[in-house]
Amino acid sequence: MNSAQRLSEQSAKRQPVGEDPRALARESGAERNKVPRFVTRACVSHLLAIPEEEIRQISHDAGLGHIERAGNEEVTYFTYDEMWQLGLLAAQLKRDREH
């Protein structure tokens, strides 16, 4: 038995008897319609461990993100794909600075 099969078997053993896995997913907020489709610049900064100002500059230069304005407030939102692209661009900039 390989390690993947062993992990699969162990996971099956740990599931409580009589519990519907779909119900558990709904309770944990893993349902598709409960997952936010966008993340804020602050969230991207936190998840990628990149200063928010750097995220702002990269996203502005690359044309990524969607700006929402309400009165004097302005919030930038990113899709998960845009967040991934920001991570790649930030890594590339870091490499370029080091060389």
N, C-alpha and C. Protein backbone atom coordinates (compact mmCIF):
# COMPACT_ATOMS: atom_id res chain seq x y z
N MET A 1 0.85 -1.18 0.00
CA MET A 1 0.00 0.00 0.00
C MET A 1 0.89 1.24 0.00
N ASN A 2 0.66 2.15 -0.96
CA ASN A 2 1.47 3.36 -1.01
C ASN A 2 0.96 4.40 -0.01
N SER A 3 1.70 5.49 0.13
CA SER A 3 1.37 6.48 1.16
C SER A 3 0.03 7.18 0.87
N ALA A 4 -0.29 7.42 -0.40
CA ALA A 4 -1.56 8.07 -0.74
C ALA A 4 -2.74 7.19 -0.35
N GLN A 5 -2.61 5.89 -0.62
CA GLN A 5 -3.67 4.97 -0.25
C GLN A 5 -3.82 4.90 1.26
N ARG A 6 -2.70 4.91 1.97
CA ARG A 6 -2.73 4.86 3.43
C ARG A 6 -3.42 6.10 4.00
N LEU A 7 -3.10 7.29 3.46
CA LEU A 7 -3.74 8.52 3.92
C LEU A 7 -5.24 8.50 3.64
N SER A 8 -5.60 8.01 2.46
CA SER A 8 -7.01 7.93 2.10
C SER A 8 -7.75 7.02 3.05
N GLU A 9 -7.15 5.89 3.37
CA GLU A 9 -7.77 4.94 4.28
C GLU A 9 -7.91 5.54 5.68
N GLN A 10 -6.89 6.26 6.14
CA GLN A 10 -6.95 6.88 7.46
C GLN A 10 -8.01 7.96 7.50
N SER A 11 -8.16 8.72 6.43
CA SER A 11 -9.18 9.77 6.39
C SER A 11 -10.57 9.16 6.48
N ALA A 12 -10.76 8.05 5.79
CA ALA A 12 -12.06 7.39 5.82
C ALA A 12 -12.38 6.90 7.22
N LYS A 13 -11.38 6.45 7.93
CA LYS A 13 -11.60 5.94 9.28
C LYS A 13 -11.95 7.05 10.24
N ARG A 14 -11.48 8.26 10.01
CA ARG A 14 -11.69 9.36 10.94
C ARG A 14 -13.05 10.03 10.78
N GLN A 15 -13.76 9.78 9.69
CA GLN A 15 -15.05 10.42 9.47
C GLN A 15 -16.06 9.85 10.45
N PRO A 16 -16.75 10.71 11.21
CA PRO A 16 -17.74 10.22 12.16
C PRO A 16 -18.84 9.43 11.47
N VAL A 17 -19.26 8.35 12.08
CA VAL A 17 -20.30 7.51 11.52
C VAL A 17 -21.61 8.29 11.50
N GLY A 18 -22.31 8.22 10.37
CA GLY A 18 -23.60 8.88 10.27
C GLY A 18 -23.54 10.33 9.85
N GLU A 19 -22.35 10.90 9.75
CA GLU A 19 -22.22 12.30 9.33
C GLU A 19 -22.17 12.38 7.81
N ASP A 20 -22.97 13.24 7.26
CA ASP A 20 -22.98 13.47 5.82
C ASP A 20 -21.86 14.45 5.48
N PRO A 21 -20.87 14.05 4.67
CA PRO A 21 -19.76 14.96 4.37
C PRO A 21 -20.22 16.27 3.75
N ARG A 22 -21.31 16.26 2.99
CA ARG A 22 -21.81 17.51 2.41
C ARG A 22 -22.32 18.45 3.49
N ALA A 23 -22.96 17.88 4.52
CA ALA A 23 -23.44 18.71 5.62
C ALA A 23 -22.26 19.32 6.37
N LEU A 24 -21.19 18.55 6.55
CA LEU A 24 -20.01 19.07 7.22
C LEU A 24 -19.39 20.20 6.41
N ALA A 25 -19.37 20.06 5.09
CA ALA A 25 -18.81 21.10 4.23
C ALA A 25 -19.66 22.37 4.32
N ARG A 26 -20.98 22.21 4.35
CA ARG A 26 -21.85 23.38 4.46
C ARG A 26 -21.63 24.11 5.78
N GLU A 27 -21.49 23.35 6.86
CA GLU A 27 -21.29 23.94 8.17
C GLU A 27 -19.95 24.66 8.27
N SER A 28 -18.95 24.18 7.56
CA SER A 28 -17.63 24.79 7.63
C SER A 28 -17.48 25.99 6.69
N GLY A 29 -18.52 26.30 5.92
CA GLY A 29 -18.47 27.45 5.02
C GLY A 29 -17.75 27.13 3.72
N ALA A 30 -17.58 25.86 3.41
CA ALA A 30 -16.84 25.48 2.21
C ALA A 30 -17.73 25.43 0.98
N GLU A 31 -19.01 25.69 1.13
CA GLU A 31 -19.89 25.70 -0.02
C GLU A 31 -19.46 26.77 -0.99
N ARG A 32 -19.57 26.49 -2.25
CA ARG A 32 -19.08 27.40 -3.27
C ARG A 32 -19.67 28.81 -3.16
N ASN A 33 -20.94 28.91 -2.88
CA ASN A 33 -21.55 30.24 -2.85
C ASN A 33 -21.19 31.04 -1.60
N LYS A 34 -20.50 30.45 -0.65
CA LYS A 34 -20.10 31.17 0.55
C LYS A 34 -18.64 31.62 0.50
N VAL A 35 -17.93 31.22 -0.52
CA VAL A 35 -16.53 31.61 -0.68
C VAL A 35 -16.50 32.94 -1.41
N PRO A 36 -15.86 33.95 -0.82
CA PRO A 36 -15.81 35.25 -1.51
C PRO A 36 -15.12 35.13 -2.86
N ARG A 37 -15.62 35.84 -3.84
CA ARG A 37 -15.04 35.79 -5.18
C ARG A 37 -13.90 36.77 -5.34
N PHE A 38 -13.79 37.74 -4.44
CA PHE A 38 -12.76 38.76 -4.51
C PHE A 38 -12.09 38.92 -3.16
N VAL A 39 -10.86 39.41 -3.17
CA VAL A 39 -10.14 39.69 -1.94
C VAL A 39 -9.65 41.14 -2.00
N THR A 40 -9.56 41.77 -0.85
CA THR A 40 -9.12 43.17 -0.80
C THR A 40 -7.60 43.25 -0.90
N ARG A 41 -7.12 44.45 -1.14
CA ARG A 41 -5.67 44.66 -1.21
C ARG A 41 -5.01 44.30 0.11
N ALA A 42 -5.66 44.63 1.21
CA ALA A 42 -5.12 44.30 2.53
C ALA A 42 -5.02 42.79 2.71
N CYS A 43 -6.01 42.07 2.24
CA CYS A 43 -6.01 40.61 2.34
C CYS A 43 -4.90 40.02 1.47
N VAL A 44 -4.74 40.52 0.26
CA VAL A 44 -3.68 40.05 -0.63
C VAL A 44 -2.32 40.31 0.01
N SER A 45 -2.17 41.48 0.59
CA SER A 45 -0.92 41.83 1.26
C SER A 45 -0.61 40.84 2.38
N HIS A 46 -1.62 40.52 3.15
CA HIS A 46 -1.45 39.58 4.25
C HIS A 46 -1.14 38.17 3.75
N LEU A 47 -1.91 37.70 2.77
CA LEU A 47 -1.73 36.33 2.27
C LEU A 47 -0.40 36.13 1.56
N LEU A 48 0.07 37.14 0.85
CA LEU A 48 1.33 37.02 0.11
C LEU A 48 2.53 37.54 0.89
N ALA A 49 2.28 38.13 2.06
CA ALA A 49 3.34 38.69 2.91
C ALA A 49 4.16 39.74 2.14
N ILE A 50 3.43 40.62 1.48
CA ILE A 50 4.02 41.71 0.71
C ILE A 50 3.40 43.00 1.24
N PRO A 51 4.19 44.04 1.47
CA PRO A 51 3.62 45.29 1.96
C PRO A 51 2.50 45.81 1.06
N GLU A 52 1.48 46.36 1.68
CA GLU A 52 0.31 46.83 0.93
C GLU A 52 0.67 47.89 -0.10
N GLU A 53 1.62 48.74 0.22
CA GLU A 53 2.04 49.78 -0.73
C GLU A 53 2.66 49.15 -1.98
N GLU A 54 3.41 48.07 -1.79
CA GLU A 54 4.00 47.37 -2.94
C GLU A 54 2.91 46.71 -3.79
N ILE A 55 1.91 46.13 -3.14
CA ILE A 55 0.77 45.55 -3.86
C ILE A 55 0.07 46.63 -4.67
N ARG A 56 -0.12 47.81 -4.05
CA ARG A 56 -0.78 48.93 -4.73
C ARG A 56 0.00 49.33 -5.98
N GLN A 57 1.33 49.44 -5.85
CA GLN A 57 2.16 49.86 -6.97
C GLN A 57 2.17 48.81 -8.09
N ILE A 58 2.36 47.55 -7.73
CA ILE A 58 2.39 46.47 -8.74
C ILE A 58 1.05 46.39 -9.46
N SER A 59 -0.05 46.42 -8.70
CA SER A 59 -1.37 46.28 -9.32
C SER A 59 -1.66 47.48 -10.23
N HIS A 60 -1.25 48.65 -9.82
CA HIS A 60 -1.45 49.85 -10.66
C HIS A 60 -0.66 49.72 -11.95
N ASP A 61 0.62 49.34 -11.84
CA ASP A 61 1.47 49.22 -13.03
C ASP A 61 0.99 48.12 -13.97
N ALA A 62 0.46 47.02 -13.41
CA ALA A 62 0.02 45.89 -14.23
C ALA A 62 -1.44 45.99 -14.66
N GLY A 63 -2.16 46.95 -14.11
CA GLY A 63 -3.57 47.10 -14.46
C GLY A 63 -4.45 46.02 -13.85
N LEU A 64 -4.06 45.55 -12.68
CA LEU A 64 -4.82 44.50 -12.01
C LEU A 64 -5.69 45.09 -10.91
N GLY A 65 -6.82 44.49 -10.68
CA GLY A 65 -7.69 44.91 -9.58
C GLY A 65 -8.87 45.72 -10.06
N HIS A 66 -9.85 45.81 -9.17
CA HIS A 66 -11.08 46.54 -9.46
C HIS A 66 -11.30 47.51 -8.31
N ILE A 67 -11.38 48.79 -8.62
CA ILE A 67 -11.52 49.82 -7.60
C ILE A 67 -12.99 50.15 -7.41
N GLU A 68 -13.42 50.12 -6.15
CA GLU A 68 -14.78 50.51 -5.79
C GLU A 68 -14.69 51.78 -4.96
N ARG A 69 -15.49 52.78 -5.33
CA ARG A 69 -15.49 54.04 -4.59
C ARG A 69 -16.86 54.26 -3.97
N ALA A 70 -16.85 54.69 -2.72
CA ALA A 70 -18.08 55.05 -2.02
C ALA A 70 -17.77 56.30 -1.21
N GLY A 71 -18.20 57.44 -1.70
CA GLY A 71 -17.88 58.70 -1.03
C GLY A 71 -16.39 58.95 -1.09
N ASN A 72 -15.78 59.15 0.07
CA ASN A 72 -14.34 59.38 0.14
C ASN A 72 -13.54 58.09 0.25
N GLU A 73 -14.23 56.97 0.40
CA GLU A 73 -13.56 55.67 0.58
C GLU A 73 -13.30 55.02 -0.76
N GLU A 74 -12.16 54.34 -0.84
CA GLU A 74 -11.77 53.62 -2.05
C GLU A 74 -11.18 52.28 -1.63
N VAL A 75 -11.72 51.19 -2.19
CA VAL A 75 -11.23 49.85 -1.86
C VAL A 75 -10.92 49.14 -3.17
N THR A 76 -9.76 48.49 -3.21
CA THR A 76 -9.38 47.73 -4.40
C THR A 76 -9.59 46.25 -4.13
N TYR A 77 -10.27 45.57 -5.05
CA TYR A 77 -10.54 44.15 -4.95
C TYR A 77 -9.81 43.41 -6.06
N PHE A 78 -9.42 42.17 -5.76
CA PHE A 78 -8.73 41.32 -6.73
C PHE A 78 -9.41 39.97 -6.81
N THR A 79 -9.42 39.39 -8.02
CA THR A 79 -9.85 38.01 -8.14
C THR A 79 -8.69 37.13 -7.66
N TYR A 80 -8.96 35.86 -7.45
CA TYR A 80 -7.89 34.95 -7.03
C TYR A 80 -6.81 34.83 -8.11
N ASP A 81 -7.23 34.88 -9.38
CA ASP A 81 -6.26 34.84 -10.47
C ASP A 81 -5.36 36.07 -10.45
N GLU A 82 -5.96 37.23 -10.20
CA GLU A 82 -5.16 38.46 -10.12
C GLU A 82 -4.21 38.41 -8.92
N MET A 83 -4.66 37.82 -7.82
CA MET A 83 -3.78 37.69 -6.66
C MET A 83 -2.58 36.81 -7.01
N TRP A 84 -2.83 35.73 -7.74
CA TRP A 84 -1.75 34.84 -8.17
C TRP A 84 -0.77 35.60 -9.06
N GLN A 85 -1.30 36.41 -9.99
CA GLN A 85 -0.45 37.20 -10.89
C GLN A 85 0.38 38.21 -10.09
N LEU A 86 -0.22 38.82 -9.08
CA LEU A 86 0.52 39.76 -8.23
C LEU A 86 1.68 39.07 -7.53
N GLY A 87 1.45 37.86 -7.06
CA GLY A 87 2.52 37.09 -6.41
C GLY A 87 3.66 36.82 -7.37
N LEU A 88 3.33 36.44 -8.60
CA LEU A 88 4.36 36.19 -9.60
C LEU A 88 5.15 37.46 -9.93
N LEU A 89 4.43 38.56 -10.10
CA LEU A 89 5.09 39.83 -10.42
C LEU A 89 5.98 40.29 -9.27
N ALA A 90 5.50 40.13 -8.04
CA ALA A 90 6.30 40.53 -6.88
C ALA A 90 7.57 39.68 -6.77
N ALA A 91 7.45 38.39 -7.04
CA ALA A 91 8.62 37.51 -6.99
C ALA A 91 9.62 37.89 -8.08
N GLN A 92 9.11 38.22 -9.26
CA GLN A 92 9.99 38.63 -10.36
C GLN A 92 10.72 39.93 -10.01
N LEU A 93 10.00 40.88 -9.44
CA LEU A 93 10.62 42.15 -9.04
C LEU A 93 11.70 41.93 -7.99
N LYS A 94 11.42 41.04 -7.05
CA LYS A 94 12.41 40.75 -6.00
C LYS A 94 13.67 40.14 -6.61
N ARG A 95 13.51 39.20 -7.55
CA ARG A 95 14.65 38.59 -8.22
C ARG A 95 15.45 39.63 -8.98
N ASP A 96 14.74 40.53 -9.67
CA ASP A 96 15.42 41.57 -10.45
C ASP A 96 16.21 42.51 -9.55
N ARG A 97 15.70 42.83 -8.38
CA ARG A 97 16.40 43.71 -7.44
C ARG A 97 17.66 43.04 -6.88
N GLU A 98 17.60 41.72 -6.70
CA GLU A 98 18.73 41.00 -6.12
C GLU A 98 19.87 40.78 -7.11
N HIS A 99 19.60 40.90 -8.39
CA HIS A 99 20.65 40.66 -9.40
C HIS A 99 21.09 41.92 -10.05
